[in-house]
N, C-alpha and C. Protein backbone atom coordinates (compact mmCIF):
# COMPACT_ATOMS: atom_id res chain seq x y z
N MET A 1 93.98 -65.92 22.19
CA MET A 1 93.14 -65.54 23.22
C MET A 1 93.07 -64.03 23.41
N GLN A 2 94.14 -63.53 23.19
CA GLN A 2 94.22 -62.11 23.31
C GLN A 2 93.28 -61.49 22.28
N GLU A 3 93.29 -62.05 21.19
CA GLU A 3 92.42 -61.54 20.15
C GLU A 3 90.97 -61.74 20.53
N GLU A 4 90.78 -62.82 21.15
CA GLU A 4 89.42 -63.08 21.57
C GLU A 4 89.02 -62.13 22.67
N LEU A 5 90.01 -61.85 23.51
CA LEU A 5 89.73 -60.92 24.58
C LEU A 5 89.47 -59.53 24.02
N VAL A 6 90.25 -59.16 23.04
CA VAL A 6 90.08 -57.84 22.42
C VAL A 6 88.73 -57.85 21.70
N GLU A 7 88.46 -58.92 21.09
CA GLU A 7 87.18 -59.00 20.36
C GLU A 7 86.01 -58.97 21.33
N MET A 8 86.21 -59.63 22.47
CA MET A 8 85.16 -59.63 23.48
C MET A 8 84.99 -58.23 24.07
N LYS A 9 86.16 -57.58 24.29
CA LYS A 9 86.10 -56.24 24.83
C LYS A 9 85.41 -55.33 23.83
N THR A 10 85.71 -55.56 22.56
CA THR A 10 85.11 -54.76 21.52
C THR A 10 83.61 -55.05 21.49
N ASP A 11 83.30 -56.32 21.60
CA ASP A 11 81.88 -56.68 21.58
C ASP A 11 81.16 -56.11 22.81
N ILE A 12 81.86 -56.17 23.94
CA ILE A 12 81.27 -55.62 25.16
C ILE A 12 81.10 -54.12 25.01
N ALA A 13 82.12 -53.46 24.45
CA ALA A 13 82.04 -52.01 24.24
C ALA A 13 80.90 -51.70 23.28
N LEU A 14 80.75 -52.50 22.25
CA LEU A 14 79.65 -52.29 21.29
C LEU A 14 78.30 -52.55 21.96
N ILE A 15 78.29 -53.59 22.81
CA ILE A 15 77.03 -53.91 23.50
C ILE A 15 76.70 -52.77 24.46
N LYS A 16 77.76 -52.25 25.14
CA LYS A 16 77.54 -51.14 26.06
C LYS A 16 77.01 -49.93 25.29
N ALA A 17 77.60 -49.68 24.14
CA ALA A 17 77.16 -48.54 23.32
C ALA A 17 75.71 -48.77 22.88
N ASP A 18 75.43 -50.03 22.49
CA ASP A 18 74.06 -50.34 22.08
C ASP A 18 73.10 -50.20 23.26
N VAL A 19 73.55 -50.64 24.45
CA VAL A 19 72.71 -50.54 25.63
C VAL A 19 72.44 -49.07 25.93
N LYS A 20 73.55 -48.22 25.78
CA LYS A 20 73.36 -46.80 26.01
C LYS A 20 72.39 -46.21 25.00
N ASN A 21 72.54 -46.65 23.74
CA ASN A 21 71.61 -46.17 22.71
C ASN A 21 70.18 -46.62 23.03
N ILE A 22 70.10 -47.90 23.45
CA ILE A 22 68.78 -48.43 23.79
C ILE A 22 68.22 -47.67 25.00
N GLU A 23 69.13 -47.40 25.97
CA GLU A 23 68.72 -46.68 27.16
C GLU A 23 68.25 -45.27 26.78
N ARG A 24 68.98 -44.57 25.91
CA ARG A 24 68.56 -43.24 25.43
C ARG A 24 67.24 -43.34 24.69
N PHE A 25 67.12 -44.40 23.87
CA PHE A 25 65.88 -44.60 23.12
C PHE A 25 64.72 -44.77 24.08
N PHE A 26 64.89 -45.63 25.12
CA PHE A 26 63.82 -45.86 26.07
C PHE A 26 63.55 -44.62 26.93
N THR A 27 64.62 -43.85 27.19
CA THR A 27 64.42 -42.61 27.93
C THR A 27 63.55 -41.68 27.09
N LYS A 28 63.88 -41.59 25.80
CA LYS A 28 63.07 -40.76 24.90
C LYS A 28 61.65 -41.31 24.80
N VAL A 29 61.54 -42.66 24.73
CA VAL A 29 60.22 -43.28 24.65
C VAL A 29 59.45 -42.99 25.93
N GLU A 30 60.15 -43.09 27.12
CA GLU A 30 59.49 -42.81 28.39
C GLU A 30 59.03 -41.36 28.46
N SER A 31 59.93 -40.44 28.04
CA SER A 31 59.51 -39.03 28.07
C SER A 31 58.38 -38.80 27.09
N SER A 32 58.44 -39.46 25.93
CA SER A 32 57.34 -39.33 24.97
C SER A 32 56.06 -39.91 25.55
N LEU A 33 56.21 -41.05 26.25
CA LEU A 33 55.03 -41.65 26.89
C LEU A 33 54.48 -40.73 27.97
N GLU A 34 55.38 -40.10 28.73
CA GLU A 34 54.92 -39.15 29.75
C GLU A 34 54.19 -37.98 29.09
N LEU A 35 54.79 -37.48 27.99
CA LEU A 35 54.13 -36.38 27.26
C LEU A 35 52.78 -36.84 26.72
N LEU A 36 52.77 -38.06 26.16
CA LEU A 36 51.50 -38.58 25.63
C LEU A 36 50.49 -38.79 26.75
N THR A 37 50.97 -39.23 27.92
CA THR A 37 50.07 -39.42 29.05
C THR A 37 49.51 -38.07 29.50
N ASP A 38 50.44 -37.06 29.59
CA ASP A 38 49.99 -35.71 29.95
C ASP A 38 48.98 -35.20 28.92
N LEU A 39 49.33 -35.39 27.64
CA LEU A 39 48.41 -34.96 26.58
C LEU A 39 47.09 -35.71 26.66
N SER A 40 47.19 -37.01 26.92
CA SER A 40 45.98 -37.81 27.03
C SER A 40 45.12 -37.32 28.19
N GLN A 41 45.75 -37.01 29.33
CA GLN A 41 45.01 -36.49 30.47
C GLN A 41 44.39 -35.13 30.13
N LYS A 42 45.19 -34.26 29.47
CA LYS A 42 44.68 -32.94 29.10
C LYS A 42 43.52 -33.07 28.11
N VAL A 43 43.67 -34.00 27.16
CA VAL A 43 42.59 -34.23 26.19
C VAL A 43 41.36 -34.76 26.91
N ALA A 44 41.57 -35.66 27.88
CA ALA A 44 40.43 -36.20 28.64
C ALA A 44 39.76 -35.07 29.43
N VAL A 45 40.59 -34.18 30.04
CA VAL A 45 40.03 -33.04 30.77
C VAL A 45 39.28 -32.13 29.80
N GLN A 46 39.90 -31.87 28.64
CA GLN A 46 39.25 -31.02 27.64
C GLN A 46 37.95 -31.67 27.15
N ASP A 47 37.99 -32.99 26.95
CA ASP A 47 36.76 -33.70 26.56
C ASP A 47 35.68 -33.54 27.62
N GLU A 48 36.08 -33.65 28.89
CA GLU A 48 35.12 -33.49 29.98
C GLU A 48 34.59 -32.06 30.00
N ILE A 49 35.48 -31.08 29.80
CA ILE A 49 35.06 -29.68 29.76
C ILE A 49 34.11 -29.46 28.59
N ILE A 50 34.44 -30.04 27.44
CA ILE A 50 33.58 -29.89 26.25
C ILE A 50 32.23 -30.55 26.51
N LYS A 51 32.26 -31.74 27.15
CA LYS A 51 31.00 -32.41 27.48
C LYS A 51 30.15 -31.54 28.39
N ASN A 52 30.79 -31.00 29.44
CA ASN A 52 30.06 -30.13 30.37
C ASN A 52 29.55 -28.88 29.65
N THR A 53 30.38 -28.33 28.78
CA THR A 53 29.96 -27.14 28.03
C THR A 53 28.80 -27.47 27.12
N VAL A 54 28.86 -28.61 26.44
CA VAL A 54 27.76 -29.04 25.56
C VAL A 54 26.50 -29.25 26.40
N ASP A 55 26.65 -29.91 27.56
CA ASP A 55 25.49 -30.11 28.44
C ASP A 55 24.92 -28.77 28.88
N ASN A 56 25.82 -27.86 29.27
CA ASN A 56 25.36 -26.52 29.69
C ASN A 56 24.67 -25.81 28.54
N LEU A 57 25.25 -25.91 27.34
CA LEU A 57 24.64 -25.27 26.18
C LEU A 57 23.28 -25.89 25.86
N GLU A 58 23.19 -27.22 25.99
CA GLU A 58 21.90 -27.87 25.76
C GLU A 58 20.88 -27.43 26.81
N ASP A 59 21.35 -27.33 28.08
CA ASP A 59 20.45 -26.85 29.13
C ASP A 59 20.02 -25.42 28.84
N LEU A 60 20.97 -24.59 28.42
CA LEU A 60 20.64 -23.20 28.08
C LEU A 60 19.68 -23.15 26.90
N ASP A 61 19.94 -23.99 25.91
CA ASP A 61 19.06 -24.01 24.74
C ASP A 61 17.65 -24.45 25.14
N ARG A 62 17.57 -25.45 26.00
CA ARG A 62 16.28 -25.90 26.50
C ARG A 62 15.59 -24.79 27.29
N MET A 63 16.36 -24.10 28.14
CA MET A 63 15.79 -23.01 28.93
C MET A 63 15.33 -21.87 28.02
N VAL A 64 16.14 -21.59 26.99
CA VAL A 64 15.75 -20.54 26.04
C VAL A 64 14.46 -20.92 25.33
N GLN A 65 14.35 -22.19 24.93
CA GLN A 65 13.13 -22.65 24.28
C GLN A 65 11.93 -22.55 25.22
N GLU A 66 12.15 -22.94 26.50
CA GLU A 66 11.07 -22.84 27.47
C GLU A 66 10.64 -21.39 27.67
N HIS A 67 11.64 -20.51 27.79
CA HIS A 67 11.33 -19.08 27.96
C HIS A 67 10.65 -18.52 26.72
N ARG A 68 11.10 -18.96 25.56
CA ARG A 68 10.47 -18.50 24.32
C ARG A 68 9.01 -18.92 24.29
N LEU A 69 8.74 -20.20 24.63
CA LEU A 69 7.36 -20.68 24.66
C LEU A 69 6.54 -19.93 25.72
N GLU A 70 7.17 -19.71 26.87
CA GLU A 70 6.48 -18.96 27.93
C GLU A 70 6.18 -17.54 27.48
N ASP A 71 7.15 -16.91 26.81
CA ASP A 71 6.94 -15.55 26.29
C ASP A 71 5.84 -15.54 25.23
N GLN A 72 5.82 -16.57 24.39
CA GLN A 72 4.76 -16.64 23.38
C GLN A 72 3.40 -16.78 24.04
N LYS A 73 3.34 -17.62 25.09
CA LYS A 73 2.07 -17.77 25.81
C LYS A 73 1.67 -16.46 26.46
N ARG A 74 2.64 -15.78 27.09
CA ARG A 74 2.34 -14.48 27.70
C ARG A 74 1.88 -13.47 26.66
N SER A 75 2.60 -13.46 25.53
CA SER A 75 2.22 -12.52 24.46
C SER A 75 0.81 -12.82 23.97
N GLN A 76 0.51 -14.10 23.77
CA GLN A 76 -0.83 -14.48 23.32
C GLN A 76 -1.87 -14.10 24.37
N HIS A 77 -1.52 -14.33 25.64
CA HIS A 77 -2.44 -13.96 26.72
C HIS A 77 -2.66 -12.45 26.73
N MET A 78 -1.58 -11.69 26.56
CA MET A 78 -1.70 -10.23 26.54
C MET A 78 -2.53 -9.79 25.33
N LEU A 79 -2.30 -10.42 24.17
CA LEU A 79 -3.09 -10.08 22.99
C LEU A 79 -4.56 -10.40 23.21
N ASP A 80 -4.82 -11.56 23.84
CA ASP A 80 -6.21 -11.92 24.14
C ASP A 80 -6.84 -10.90 25.08
N LYS A 81 -6.10 -10.51 26.13
CA LYS A 81 -6.61 -9.51 27.07
C LYS A 81 -6.84 -8.18 26.36
N LEU A 82 -5.88 -7.80 25.51
CA LEU A 82 -6.00 -6.54 24.78
C LEU A 82 -7.23 -6.57 23.87
N GLU A 83 -7.46 -7.70 23.20
CA GLU A 83 -8.63 -7.83 22.33
C GLU A 83 -9.91 -7.77 23.16
N GLU A 84 -9.87 -8.42 24.33
CA GLU A 84 -11.04 -8.38 25.22
C GLU A 84 -11.32 -6.95 25.69
N TYR A 85 -10.26 -6.23 26.08
CA TYR A 85 -10.43 -4.83 26.49
C TYR A 85 -10.93 -3.97 25.34
N ARG A 86 -10.42 -4.24 24.13
CA ARG A 86 -10.86 -3.48 22.96
C ARG A 86 -12.34 -3.72 22.70
N LYS A 87 -12.76 -5.00 22.80
CA LYS A 87 -14.17 -5.31 22.60
C LYS A 87 -15.02 -4.66 23.69
N ASP A 88 -14.55 -4.74 24.94
CA ASP A 88 -15.29 -4.10 26.04
C ASP A 88 -15.40 -2.60 25.82
N ALA A 89 -14.29 -1.99 25.40
CA ALA A 89 -14.31 -0.55 25.15
C ALA A 89 -15.26 -0.22 24.01
N TYR A 90 -15.25 -1.04 22.96
CA TYR A 90 -16.16 -0.82 21.84
C TYR A 90 -17.61 -0.94 22.30
N ASN A 91 -17.88 -2.00 23.09
CA ASN A 91 -19.25 -2.19 23.61
C ASN A 91 -19.66 -1.03 24.52
N ASP A 92 -18.73 -0.61 25.39
CA ASP A 92 -19.04 0.54 26.26
C ASP A 92 -19.30 1.78 25.43
N HIS A 93 -18.49 1.99 24.43
CA HIS A 93 -18.67 3.15 23.55
C HIS A 93 -20.02 3.07 22.83
N GLN A 94 -20.36 1.88 22.36
CA GLN A 94 -21.63 1.70 21.66
C GLN A 94 -22.81 1.95 22.60
N ARG A 95 -22.72 1.40 23.82
CA ARG A 95 -23.79 1.64 24.81
C ARG A 95 -23.90 3.12 25.13
N LEU A 96 -22.76 3.78 25.30
CA LEU A 96 -22.77 5.20 25.60
C LEU A 96 -23.37 5.99 24.44
N ALA A 97 -23.00 5.61 23.20
CA ALA A 97 -23.55 6.30 22.03
C ALA A 97 -25.06 6.07 21.95
N ASP A 98 -25.50 4.83 22.18
CA ASP A 98 -26.93 4.53 22.15
C ASP A 98 -27.67 5.31 23.25
N HIS A 99 -27.09 5.31 24.44
CA HIS A 99 -27.70 6.02 25.56
C HIS A 99 -27.77 7.52 25.26
N THR A 100 -26.68 8.05 24.72
CA THR A 100 -26.65 9.48 24.39
C THR A 100 -27.67 9.80 23.30
N ALA A 101 -27.77 8.93 22.30
CA ALA A 101 -28.75 9.16 21.23
C ALA A 101 -30.18 9.11 21.79
N ALA A 102 -30.45 8.13 22.64
CA ALA A 102 -31.79 8.03 23.24
C ALA A 102 -32.08 9.24 24.12
N LYS A 103 -31.08 9.66 24.89
CA LYS A 103 -31.27 10.82 25.75
C LYS A 103 -31.47 12.08 24.92
N ARG A 104 -30.69 12.21 23.85
CA ARG A 104 -30.83 13.37 22.97
C ARG A 104 -32.21 13.38 22.31
N GLU A 105 -32.67 12.20 21.87
CA GLU A 105 -33.98 12.11 21.24
C GLU A 105 -35.09 12.47 22.23
N ALA A 106 -34.98 11.98 23.46
CA ALA A 106 -35.99 12.31 24.49
C ALA A 106 -35.94 13.80 24.80
N HIS A 107 -34.73 14.35 24.88
CA HIS A 107 -34.59 15.78 25.15
C HIS A 107 -35.18 16.60 24.00
N ASN A 108 -34.91 16.17 22.76
CA ASN A 108 -35.47 16.88 21.60
C ASN A 108 -37.01 16.82 21.60
N ARG A 109 -37.55 15.62 21.93
CA ARG A 109 -39.01 15.50 22.01
C ARG A 109 -39.58 16.44 23.07
N MET A 110 -38.90 16.51 24.23
CA MET A 110 -39.35 17.38 25.31
C MET A 110 -39.32 18.84 24.84
N ILE A 111 -38.24 19.23 24.15
CA ILE A 111 -38.14 20.61 23.66
C ILE A 111 -39.23 20.89 22.64
N ILE A 112 -39.48 19.94 21.74
CA ILE A 112 -40.53 20.14 20.72
C ILE A 112 -41.89 20.26 21.40
N ASP A 113 -42.16 19.42 22.41
CA ASP A 113 -43.44 19.50 23.14
C ASP A 113 -43.57 20.86 23.83
N GLU A 114 -42.49 21.31 24.47
CA GLU A 114 -42.53 22.60 25.13
C GLU A 114 -42.73 23.74 24.12
N LEU A 115 -42.09 23.61 22.95
CA LEU A 115 -42.28 24.62 21.91
C LEU A 115 -43.73 24.63 21.41
N ARG A 116 -44.35 23.45 21.30
CA ARG A 116 -45.76 23.38 20.89
C ARG A 116 -46.64 24.09 21.93
N VAL A 117 -46.37 23.77 23.21
CA VAL A 117 -47.15 24.41 24.27
C VAL A 117 -46.95 25.92 24.21
N LEU A 118 -45.70 26.36 24.05
CA LEU A 118 -45.41 27.78 23.96
C LEU A 118 -46.10 28.40 22.76
N LYS A 119 -46.10 27.68 21.61
CA LYS A 119 -46.77 28.18 20.40
C LYS A 119 -48.27 28.32 20.65
N ASP A 120 -48.85 27.29 21.29
CA ASP A 120 -50.29 27.36 21.59
C ASP A 120 -50.60 28.53 22.52
N MET A 121 -49.75 28.72 23.54
CA MET A 121 -49.96 29.84 24.46
C MET A 121 -49.84 31.17 23.74
N MET A 122 -48.84 31.27 22.85
CA MET A 122 -48.66 32.53 22.11
C MET A 122 -49.83 32.77 21.16
N GLU A 123 -50.31 31.71 20.52
CA GLU A 123 -51.46 31.87 19.62
C GLU A 123 -52.69 32.34 20.40
N SER A 124 -52.91 31.75 21.59
CA SER A 124 -54.07 32.18 22.39
C SER A 124 -53.89 33.63 22.85
N LYS A 125 -52.65 34.01 23.22
CA LYS A 125 -52.39 35.39 23.62
C LYS A 125 -52.61 36.33 22.44
N PHE A 126 -52.11 35.92 21.27
CA PHE A 126 -52.31 36.75 20.07
C PHE A 126 -53.80 36.89 19.75
N ASP A 127 -54.53 35.78 19.87
CA ASP A 127 -55.98 35.84 19.63
C ASP A 127 -56.64 36.79 20.63
N GLU A 128 -56.23 36.70 21.90
CA GLU A 128 -56.76 37.58 22.93
C GLU A 128 -56.45 39.04 22.61
N GLN A 129 -55.19 39.26 22.21
CA GLN A 129 -54.79 40.64 21.89
C GLN A 129 -55.53 41.16 20.65
N ASP A 130 -55.72 40.28 19.67
CA ASP A 130 -56.48 40.68 18.48
C ASP A 130 -57.91 41.09 18.88
N GLU A 131 -58.53 40.29 19.78
CA GLU A 131 -59.87 40.63 20.23
C GLU A 131 -59.88 41.98 20.96
N LYS A 132 -58.91 42.20 21.83
CA LYS A 132 -58.84 43.46 22.57
C LYS A 132 -58.59 44.62 21.62
N ILE A 133 -57.69 44.38 20.64
CA ILE A 133 -57.42 45.44 19.66
C ILE A 133 -58.68 45.75 18.87
N ASN A 134 -59.42 44.72 18.47
CA ASN A 134 -60.69 44.94 17.75
C ASN A 134 -61.67 45.72 18.61
N GLU A 135 -61.75 45.36 19.92
CA GLU A 135 -62.63 46.09 20.84
C GLU A 135 -62.21 47.55 20.95
N LEU A 136 -60.88 47.76 21.08
CA LEU A 136 -60.37 49.13 21.18
C LEU A 136 -60.65 49.92 19.89
N GLN A 137 -60.50 49.24 18.77
CA GLN A 137 -60.79 49.93 17.51
C GLN A 137 -62.28 50.30 17.42
N LYS A 138 -63.13 49.37 17.88
CA LYS A 138 -64.56 49.69 17.89
C LYS A 138 -64.81 50.90 18.78
N TRP A 139 -64.26 50.93 19.98
CA TRP A 139 -64.43 52.06 20.89
C TRP A 139 -63.84 53.33 20.30
N LYS A 140 -62.70 53.14 19.59
CA LYS A 140 -62.09 54.31 18.96
C LYS A 140 -63.06 54.90 17.93
N TYR A 141 -63.67 54.04 17.13
CA TYR A 141 -64.61 54.54 16.12
C TYR A 141 -65.85 55.14 16.78
N TYR A 142 -66.36 54.52 17.85
CA TYR A 142 -67.50 55.09 18.59
C TYR A 142 -67.13 56.47 19.14
N ALA A 143 -65.89 56.49 19.74
CA ALA A 143 -65.46 57.77 20.34
C ALA A 143 -65.29 58.81 19.26
N MET A 144 -64.72 58.42 18.13
CA MET A 144 -64.54 59.38 17.03
C MET A 144 -65.91 59.85 16.51
N GLY A 145 -66.82 58.92 16.44
CA GLY A 145 -68.18 59.28 15.99
C GLY A 145 -68.83 60.25 16.96
N VAL A 146 -68.71 59.98 18.26
CA VAL A 146 -69.30 60.84 19.27
C VAL A 146 -68.62 62.19 19.23
N ILE A 147 -67.27 62.19 19.18
CA ILE A 147 -66.53 63.46 19.15
C ILE A 147 -66.87 64.21 17.87
N GLY A 148 -66.97 63.50 16.75
CA GLY A 148 -67.34 64.13 15.48
C GLY A 148 -68.74 64.74 15.58
N ALA A 149 -69.67 64.00 16.22
CA ALA A 149 -71.03 64.52 16.36
C ALA A 149 -71.03 65.73 17.26
N VAL A 150 -70.25 65.68 18.35
CA VAL A 150 -70.18 66.81 19.26
C VAL A 150 -69.58 68.00 18.53
N ILE A 151 -68.52 67.78 17.79
CA ILE A 151 -67.91 68.89 17.05
C ILE A 151 -68.88 69.42 16.01
N PHE A 152 -69.55 68.52 15.33
CA PHE A 152 -70.53 68.97 14.34
C PHE A 152 -71.62 69.78 15.00
N LEU A 153 -72.10 69.32 16.11
CA LEU A 153 -73.14 70.06 16.83
C LEU A 153 -72.61 71.39 17.32
N MET A 154 -71.37 71.38 17.76
CA MET A 154 -70.81 72.63 18.26
C MET A 154 -70.60 73.61 17.12
N VAL A 155 -70.25 73.12 16.00
CA VAL A 155 -70.06 74.00 14.85
C VAL A 155 -71.42 74.45 14.35
N GLU A 156 -72.36 73.64 14.30
CA GLU A 156 -73.67 73.95 13.74
C GLU A 156 -74.55 74.66 14.75
N MET A 157 -74.25 74.62 15.88
CA MET A 157 -75.10 75.20 16.91
C MET A 157 -74.91 76.71 16.97
N ASN A 158 -75.96 77.32 17.28
CA ASN A 158 -75.92 78.77 17.42
C ASN A 158 -75.61 79.04 18.88
N TRP A 159 -74.51 79.55 19.10
CA TRP A 159 -74.02 79.73 20.47
C TRP A 159 -74.64 81.00 21.08
N GLN A 160 -75.02 81.86 20.31
CA GLN A 160 -75.60 83.08 20.85
C GLN A 160 -76.96 82.78 21.47
N VAL A 161 -77.66 81.97 20.89
CA VAL A 161 -78.97 81.67 21.40
C VAL A 161 -78.79 80.86 22.69
N PHE A 162 -77.83 80.04 22.68
CA PHE A 162 -77.61 79.18 23.81
C PHE A 162 -77.13 79.96 25.00
N PHE A 163 -76.35 81.01 24.80
CA PHE A 163 -75.81 81.80 25.91
C PHE A 163 -76.66 83.01 26.21
N SER A 164 -77.58 83.31 25.47
CA SER A 164 -78.36 84.52 25.76
C SER A 164 -79.48 84.27 26.64
């Protein structure tokens, strides 16, 4: 019996040692489970953060696309307005050039007409002056003839008879 008691004590001691080993094992398993639970929670939080970040990035990407499209529309609108202003400026320039050409042509015609009138007036004045000059030349020749005749008579005349 004693042997049995010693054997039982030995078995109990071995069982106690096994229980302690099992207890240490379960303590390690529990701490590992706690670590895994913490890690699982952290991973879940990180997954949620990543999901929110992905959603935010998708929202940002969508907003960027919307802004890009809006900017393209604005740019196209500005280009259309710029082209419209360019066409208007070209048309205004063309109208101004046409108006200036027409005004210049009318002004040139007016100057040419005035020059014709001035030419006609000068021709009539020149004709008048030519007639007057011809008249003066005729009178000059008459006067020279009369003076020549008077001088001839004075030279040919006997002055003694006339004064005696």
